[in-house]
Amino acid sequence: MTQWLRINLLMGLIMMLAACGGGTTADSGAQPVPSASADVPAPSTSVFVPAPSTSAGTVVEPSSAPSEVSSAASVAPASSPVGSSAASGVVAVYTRSGGIQGKTQTLVVNGDGNLQLLNGDRTGQVVKTAQAPAGQVEALRSSVTSPEWQQLEGKYGRQVPDGFAYTISANGKEVGTFDGASNPAALEAVLTQLNDLWQIAQTAT
């Protein structure tokens, strides 16, 4: 009797295990659905930009400095006007007119010592040229660049019969005088210097 009971219990246990196993098999056939809340890494938005490659041994030269302005494009300095104190310009222009013959002549004193004696005014024909000593030219330059020269009036005296009229243009100033006029010392000094240079030009061969 006891053995039979044991057999029945064993058979019941087997049937219960079989029932449990079938349910598990049925459940295991269903595929699991991925959860919508699973963490999915977002795609990266950064863009990789490769650095410019530099060939081995390549030397990057700095940009060259702006080229110098061509000397051909440079503007040549304007010629010195009458009365310029530049060494190569005109120091003074001295015109004498009148006298018994009523003749007009002009002396041009250049800074390099070159003297030109012209018939007529400054636009006249050159009749003689000479070279003046540098010391005399520098003395004249000093006189016409002095404050006393700049303070002179434009005209002294008046024309007299058979007398000469004198006009001096130097250092941007023009002064006129006549024979017999009462001239300031600064004007007399310039007249003396110009008359000495006139003699050099007039006696040149």
C-alpha atoms as a PDB file:
ATOM      1  CA  MET A   1       0.000   0.000   0.000  1.00  0.00           C
ATOM      2  CA  THR A   2       2.723   2.395   0.809  1.00  0.00           C
ATOM      3  CA  GLN A   3       4.633   1.610  -2.376  1.00  0.00           C
ATOM      4  CA  TRP A   4       1.568   2.245  -4.495  1.00  0.00           C
ATOM      5  CA  LEU A   5       1.118   5.634  -2.894  1.00  0.00           C
ATOM      6  CA  ARG A   6       4.681   6.520  -3.634  1.00  0.00           C
ATOM      7  CA  ILE A   7       4.193   5.635  -7.276  1.00  0.00           C
ATOM      8  CA  ASN A   8       1.081   7.795  -7.544  1.00  0.00           C
ATOM      9  CA  LEU A   9       2.858  10.737  -5.955  1.00  0.00           C
ATOM     10  CA  LEU A  10       5.785  10.327  -8.321  1.00  0.00           C
ATOM     11  CA  MET A  11       3.488  10.206 -11.347  1.00  0.00           C
ATOM     12  CA  GLY A  12       1.654  13.336 -10.183  1.00  0.00           C
ATOM     13  CA  LEU A  13       4.938  15.142  -9.686  1.00  0.00           C
ATOM     14  CA  ILE A  14       6.071  14.191 -13.189  1.00  0.00           C
ATOM     15  CA  MET A  15       2.798  15.475 -14.686  1.00  0.00           C
ATOM     16  CA  MET A  16       3.124  18.762 -12.819  1.00  0.00           C
ATOM     17  CA  LEU A  17       6.686  19.210 -14.056  1.00  0.00           C
ATOM     18  CA  ALA A  18       5.585  18.457 -17.594  1.00  0.00           C
ATOM     19  CA  ALA A  19       2.840  21.076 -17.370  1.00  0.00           C
ATOM     20  CA  CYS A  20       5.252  23.676 -16.084  1.00  0.00           C
ATOM     21  CA  GLY A  21       7.759  22.874 -18.835  1.00  0.00           C
ATOM     22  CA  GLY A  22       5.204  23.363 -21.639  1.00  0.00           C
ATOM     23  CA  GLY A  23       4.208  26.800 -20.412  1.00  0.00           C
ATOM     24  CA  THR A  24       7.776  27.872 -20.295  1.00  0.00           C
ATOM     25  CA  THR A  25       8.374  26.680 -23.836  1.00  0.00           C
ATOM     26  CA  ALA A  26       5.338  28.603 -25.101  1.00  0.00           C
ATOM     27  CA  ASP A  27       6.431  31.745 -23.361  1.00  0.00           C
ATOM     28  CA  SER A  28       9.976  31.406 -24.668  1.00  0.00           C
ATOM     29  CA  GLY A  29       8.775  31.541 -28.275  1.00  0.00           C
ATOM     30  CA  ALA A  30       7.849  35.234 -28.091  1.00  0.00           C
ATOM     31  CA  GLN A  31      10.608  37.628 -29.174  1.00  0.00           C
ATOM     32  CA  PRO A  32      11.339  40.430 -26.718  1.00  0.00           C
ATOM     33  CA  VAL A  33      10.464  43.926 -27.984  1.00  0.00           C
ATOM     34  CA  PRO A  34      13.177  46.517 -27.513  1.00  0.00           C
ATOM     35  CA  SER A  35      12.215  49.219 -25.104  1.00  0.00           C
ATOM     36  CA  ALA A  36      11.589  52.605 -26.680  1.00  0.00           C
ATOM     37  CA  SER A  37      13.278  54.211 -23.757  1.00  0.00           C
ATOM     38  CA  ALA A  38      16.593  52.501 -24.397  1.00  0.00           C
ATOM     39  CA  ASP A  39      19.505  54.895 -24.442  1.00  0.00           C
ATOM     40  CA  VAL A  40      20.568  55.404 -28.052  1.00  0.00           C
ATOM     41  CA  PRO A  41      23.605  57.613 -28.522  1.00  0.00           C
ATOM     42  CA  ALA A  42      22.775  60.675 -30.655  1.00  0.00           C
ATOM     43  CA  PRO A  43      24.826  61.079 -33.846  1.00  0.00           C
ATOM     44  CA  SER A  44      27.723  63.466 -33.467  1.00  0.00           C
ATOM     45  CA  THR A  45      27.189  66.863 -35.158  1.00  0.00           C
ATOM     46  CA  SER A  46      30.804  67.959 -35.020  1.00  0.00           C
ATOM     47  CA  VAL A  47      32.613  68.053 -38.346  1.00  0.00           C
ATOM     48  CA  PHE A  48      36.181  66.985 -38.491  1.00  0.00           C
ATOM     49  CA  VAL A  49      38.267  69.384 -40.525  1.00  0.00           C
ATOM     50  CA  PRO A  50      41.719  68.099 -41.208  1.00  0.00           C
ATOM     51  CA  ALA A  51      44.535  70.567 -40.700  1.00  0.00           C
ATOM     52  CA  PRO A  52      46.322  71.574 -43.910  1.00  0.00           C
ATOM     53  CA  SER A  53      49.177  69.272 -44.453  1.00  0.00           C
ATOM     54  CA  THR A  54      52.620  70.712 -44.815  1.00  0.00           C
ATOM     55  CA  SER A  55      55.024  68.815 -46.938  1.00  0.00           C
ATOM     56  CA  ALA A  56      58.175  67.813 -45.186  1.00  0.00           C
ATOM     57  CA  GLY A  57      60.959  70.302 -45.767  1.00  0.00           C
ATOM     58  CA  THR A  58      58.611  73.000 -47.137  1.00  0.00           C
ATOM     59  CA  VAL A  59      59.492  76.479 -45.901  1.00  0.00           C
ATOM     60  CA  VAL A  60      56.726  79.077 -45.957  1.00  0.00           C
ATOM     61  CA  GLU A  61      58.213  82.352 -47.070  1.00  0.00           C
ATOM     62  CA  PRO A  62      56.770  85.531 -45.524  1.00  0.00           C
ATOM     63  CA  SER A  63      54.963  87.838 -47.885  1.00  0.00           C
ATOM     64  CA  SER A  64      57.333  90.189 -49.570  1.00  0.00           C
ATOM     65  CA  ALA A  65      57.258  93.827 -48.561  1.00  0.00           C
ATOM     66  CA  PRO A  66      55.738  96.319 -50.999  1.00  0.00           C
ATOM     67  CA  SER A  67      58.169  97.131 -53.720  1.00  0.00           C
ATOM     68  CA  GLU A  68      59.742 100.509 -53.626  1.00  0.00           C
ATOM     69  CA  VAL A  69      58.362 103.130 -55.924  1.00  0.00           C
ATOM     70  CA  SER A  70      60.298 103.158 -59.131  1.00  0.00           C
ATOM     71  CA  SER A  71      62.656 106.038 -59.436  1.00  0.00           C
ATOM     72  CA  ALA A  72      61.197 106.657 -62.865  1.00  0.00           C
ATOM     73  CA  ALA A  73      57.851 107.447 -61.230  1.00  0.00           C
ATOM     74  CA  SER A  74      59.315 109.996 -58.864  1.00  0.00           C
ATOM     75  CA  VAL A  75      58.542 113.596 -59.642  1.00  0.00           C
ATOM     76  CA  ALA A  76      61.518 115.698 -60.555  1.00  0.00           C
ATOM     77  CA  PRO A  77      61.837 118.849 -58.463  1.00  0.00           C
ATOM     78  CA  ALA A  78      60.665 122.009 -60.130  1.00  0.00           C
ATOM     79  CA  SER A  79      63.310 124.355 -61.411  1.00  0.00           C
ATOM     80  CA  SER A  80      64.303 127.068 -58.993  1.00  0.00           C
ATOM     81  CA  PRO A  81      62.540 130.404 -59.599  1.00  0.00           C
ATOM     82  CA  VAL A  82      64.365 133.666 -60.007  1.00  0.00           C
ATOM     83  CA  GLY A  83      65.847 134.667 -56.686  1.00  0.00           C
ATOM     84  CA  SER A  84      66.104 131.106 -55.330  1.00  0.00           C
ATOM     85  CA  SER A  85      68.829 130.616 -52.747  1.00  0.00           C
ATOM     86  CA  ALA A  86      69.444 127.015 -53.879  1.00  0.00           C
ATOM     87  CA  ALA A  87      73.100 126.352 -54.686  1.00  0.00           C
ATOM     88  CA  SER A  88      72.323 125.389 -58.294  1.00  0.00           C
ATOM     89  CA  GLY A  89      69.598 128.014 -58.805  1.00  0.00           C
ATOM     90  CA  VAL A  90      69.598 131.690 -59.614  1.00  0.00           C
ATOM     91  CA  VAL A  91      70.928 133.952 -56.878  1.00  0.00           C
ATOM     92  CA  ALA A  92      69.970 137.272 -58.460  1.00  0.00           C
ATOM     93  CA  VAL A  93      68.815 138.913 -61.686  1.00  0.00           C
ATOM     94  CA  TYR A  94      70.108 142.457 -62.217  1.00  0.00           C
ATOM     95  CA  THR A  95      68.722 144.696 -64.980  1.00  0.00           C
ATOM     96  CA  ARG A  96      70.169 148.069 -66.011  1.00  0.00           C
ATOM     97  CA  SER A  97      68.314 150.286 -68.451  1.00  0.00           C
ATOM     98  CA  GLY A  98      68.460 153.879 -69.691  1.00  0.00           C
ATOM     99  CA  GLY A  99      71.532 156.049 -69.984  1.00  0.00           C
ATOM    100  CA  ILE A 100      72.340 158.173 -73.025  1.00  0.00           C
ATOM    101  CA  GLN A 101      71.828 155.228 -75.382  1.00  0.00           C
ATOM    102  CA  GLY A 102      68.680 153.998 -73.638  1.00  0.00           C
ATOM    103  CA  LYS A 103      70.056 150.473 -73.639  1.00  0.00           C
ATOM    104  CA  THR A 104      68.803 147.605 -71.493  1.00  0.00           C
ATOM    105  CA  GLN A 105      71.006 144.739 -70.333  1.00  0.00           C
ATOM    106  CA  THR A 106      70.520 142.017 -67.738  1.00  0.00           C
ATOM    107  CA  LEU A 107      72.954 140.022 -65.612  1.00  0.00           C
ATOM    108  CA  VAL A 108      71.937 136.596 -64.291  1.00  0.00           C
ATOM    109  CA  VAL A 109      74.003 135.323 -61.360  1.00  0.00           C
ATOM    110  CA  ASN A 110      73.721 131.556 -60.839  1.00  0.00           C
ATOM    111  CA  GLY A 111      74.535 129.727 -57.641  1.00  0.00           C
ATOM    112  CA  ASP A 112      77.358 127.767 -59.259  1.00  0.00           C
ATOM    113  CA  GLY A 113      79.113 131.037 -60.166  1.00  0.00           C
ATOM    114  CA  ASN A 114      78.019 131.082 -63.809  1.00  0.00           C
ATOM    115  CA  LEU A 115      77.311 134.617 -65.054  1.00  0.00           C
ATOM    116  CA  GLN A 116      75.157 135.417 -68.069  1.00  0.00           C
ATOM    117  CA  LEU A 117      74.995 138.878 -69.639  1.00  0.00           C
ATOM    118  CA  LEU A 118      71.950 139.359 -71.855  1.00  0.00           C
ATOM    119  CA  ASN A 119      70.790 142.064 -74.238  1.00  0.00           C
ATOM    120  CA  GLY A 120      67.397 143.255 -73.095  1.00  0.00           C
ATOM    121  CA  ASP A 121      65.527 141.746 -70.172  1.00  0.00           C
ATOM    122  CA  ARG A 122      65.680 138.226 -68.758  1.00  0.00           C
ATOM    123  CA  THR A 123      64.272 136.786 -71.993  1.00  0.00           C
ATOM    124  CA  GLY A 124      66.928 138.463 -74.133  1.00  0.00           C
ATOM    125  CA  GLN A 125      69.859 136.929 -75.987  1.00  0.00           C
ATOM    126  CA  VAL A 126      72.950 135.900 -74.046  1.00  0.00           C
ATOM    127  CA  VAL A 127      75.907 137.903 -75.310  1.00  0.00           C
ATOM    128  CA  LYS A 128      78.555 136.900 -72.771  1.00  0.00           C
ATOM    129  CA  THR A 129      79.176 134.292 -70.087  1.00  0.00           C
ATOM    130  CA  ALA A 130      81.791 134.150 -67.342  1.00  0.00           C
ATOM    131  CA  GLN A 131      82.643 132.332 -64.136  1.00  0.00           C
ATOM    132  CA  ALA A 132      82.598 134.331 -60.924  1.00  0.00           C
ATOM    133  CA  PRO A 133      84.694 133.510 -57.847  1.00  0.00           C
ATOM    134  CA  ALA A 134      82.733 131.409 -55.357  1.00  0.00           C
ATOM    135  CA  GLY A 135      83.430 133.888 -52.565  1.00  0.00           C
ATOM    136  CA  GLN A 136      81.747 136.755 -54.414  1.00  0.00           C
ATOM    137  CA  VAL A 137      78.674 134.671 -55.203  1.00  0.00           C
ATOM    138  CA  GLU A 138      78.359 133.544 -51.592  1.00  0.00           C
ATOM    139  CA  ALA A 139      78.705 137.137 -50.380  1.00  0.00           C
ATOM    140  CA  LEU A 140      75.865 138.177 -52.695  1.00  0.00           C
ATOM    141  CA  ARG A 141      73.750 135.237 -51.545  1.00  0.00           C
ATOM    142  CA  SER A 142      74.290 136.240 -47.928  1.00  0.00           C
ATOM    143  CA  SER A 143      73.195 139.812 -48.676  1.00  0.00           C
ATOM    144  CA  VAL A 144      69.954 138.889 -50.466  1.00  0.00           C
ATOM    145  CA  THR A 145      68.948 136.355 -47.798  1.00  0.00           C
ATOM    146  CA  SER A 146      69.418 138.772 -44.914  1.00  0.00           C
ATOM    147  CA  PRO A 147      66.482 140.264 -42.968  1.00  0.00           C
ATOM    148  CA  GLU A 148      67.636 143.732 -44.088  1.00  0.00           C
ATOM    149  CA  TRP A 149      67.079 142.790 -47.729  1.00  0.00           C
ATOM    150  CA  GLN A 150      63.562 141.552 -47.023  1.00  0.00           C
ATOM    151  CA  GLN A 151      62.748 144.809 -45.223  1.00  0.00           C
ATOM    152  CA  LEU A 152      63.582 146.986 -48.252  1.00  0.00           C
ATOM    153  CA  GLU A 153      60.833 148.860 -50.044  1.00  0.00           C
ATOM    154  CA  GLY A 154      59.963 148.045 -53.636  1.00  0.00           C
ATOM    155  CA  LYS A 155      61.269 151.293 -55.123  1.00  0.00           C
ATOM    156  CA  TYR A 156      63.668 154.122 -54.276  1.00  0.00           C
ATOM    157  CA  GLY A 157      64.064 157.459 -56.110  1.00  0.00           C
ATOM    158  CA  ARG A 158      62.833 158.339 -59.582  1.00  0.00           C
ATOM    159  CA  GLN A 159      64.055 158.335 -63.165  1.00  0.00           C
ATOM    160  CA  VAL A 160      66.357 161.218 -64.130  1.00  0.00           C
ATOM    161  CA  PRO A 161      67.326 162.306 -67.666  1.00  0.00           C
ATOM    162  CA  ASP A 162      70.086 160.140 -69.152  1.00  0.00           C
ATOM    163  CA  GLY A 163      70.263 158.257 -65.858  1.00  0.00           C
ATOM    164  CA  PHE A 164      70.063 154.531 -65.317  1.00  0.00           C
ATOM    165  CA  ALA A 165      67.265 152.568 -63.724  1.00  0.00           C
ATOM    166  CA  TYR A 166      68.193 149.428 -61.808  1.00  0.00           C
ATOM    167  CA  THR A 167      66.007 146.457 -60.948  1.00  0.00           C
ATOM    168  CA  ILE A 168      67.156 143.614 -58.708  1.00  0.00           C
ATOM    169  CA  SER A 169      65.219 140.363 -58.295  1.00  0.00           C
ATOM    170  CA  ALA A 170      66.561 138.085 -55.574  1.00  0.00           C
ATOM    171  CA  ASN A 171      65.211 135.697 -52.950  1.00  0.00           C
ATOM    172  CA  GLY A 172      61.595 136.287 -53.949  1.00  0.00           C
ATOM    173  CA  LYS A 173      61.843 140.085 -53.711  1.00  0.00           C
ATOM    174  CA  GLU A 174      62.175 142.785 -56.381  1.00  0.00           C
ATOM    175  CA  VAL A 175      63.665 146.201 -55.644  1.00  0.00           C
ATOM    176  CA  GLY A 176      64.033 149.129 -58.059  1.00  0.00           C
ATOM    177  CA  THR A 177      66.206 152.223 -57.792  1.00  0.00           C
ATOM    178  CA  PHE A 178      67.662 154.986 -59.957  1.00  0.00           C
ATOM    179  CA  ASP A 179      70.794 157.044 -60.332  1.00  0.00           C
ATOM    180  CA  GLY A 180      70.925 159.682 -57.628  1.00  0.00           C
ATOM    181  CA  ALA A 181      68.471 157.901 -55.326  1.00  0.00           C
ATOM    182  CA  SER A 182      69.085 157.728 -51.580  1.00  0.00           C
ATOM    183  CA  ASN A 183      69.397 153.978 -51.039  1.00  0.00           C
ATOM    184  CA  PRO A 184      69.516 152.108 -47.713  1.00  0.00           C
ATOM    185  CA  ALA A 185      72.814 150.449 -46.800  1.00  0.00           C
ATOM    186  CA  ALA A 186      71.456 146.957 -47.532  1.00  0.00           C
ATOM    187  CA  LEU A 187      70.529 147.979 -51.084  1.00  0.00           C
ATOM    188  CA  GLU A 188      73.826 149.777 -51.683  1.00  0.00           C
ATOM    189  CA  ALA A 189      75.742 146.661 -50.611  1.00  0.00           C
ATOM    190  CA  VAL A 190      73.849 144.480 -53.099  1.00  0.00           C
ATOM    191  CA  LEU A 191      74.310 147.052 -55.893  1.00  0.00           C
ATOM    192  CA  THR A 192      78.060 147.136 -55.279  1.00  0.00           C
ATOM    193  CA  GLN A 193      78.316 143.344 -55.363  1.00  0.00           C
ATOM    194  CA  LEU A 194      76.265 143.118 -58.561  1.00  0.00           C
ATOM    195  CA  ASN A 195      78.254 145.857 -60.306  1.00  0.00           C
ATOM    196  CA  ASP A 196      81.483 143.984 -59.510  1.00  0.00           C
ATOM    197  CA  LEU A 197      80.037 140.798 -61.019  1.00  0.00           C
ATOM    198  CA  TRP A 198      78.808 142.818 -63.997  1.00  0.00           C
ATOM    199  CA  GLN A 199      82.359 143.915 -64.690  1.00  0.00           C
ATOM    200  CA  ILE A 200      83.534 140.284 -64.631  1.00  0.00           C
ATOM    201  CA  ALA A 201      80.885 139.275 -67.166  1.00  0.00           C
ATOM    202  CA  GLN A 202      81.365 142.316 -69.385  1.00  0.00           C
ATOM    203  CA  THR A 203      85.139 141.919 -69.646  1.00  0.00           C
ATOM    204  CA  ALA A 204      85.005 138.168 -70.306  1.00  0.00           C
ATOM    205  CA  THR A 205      86.386 137.089 -73.676  1.00  0.00           C
END
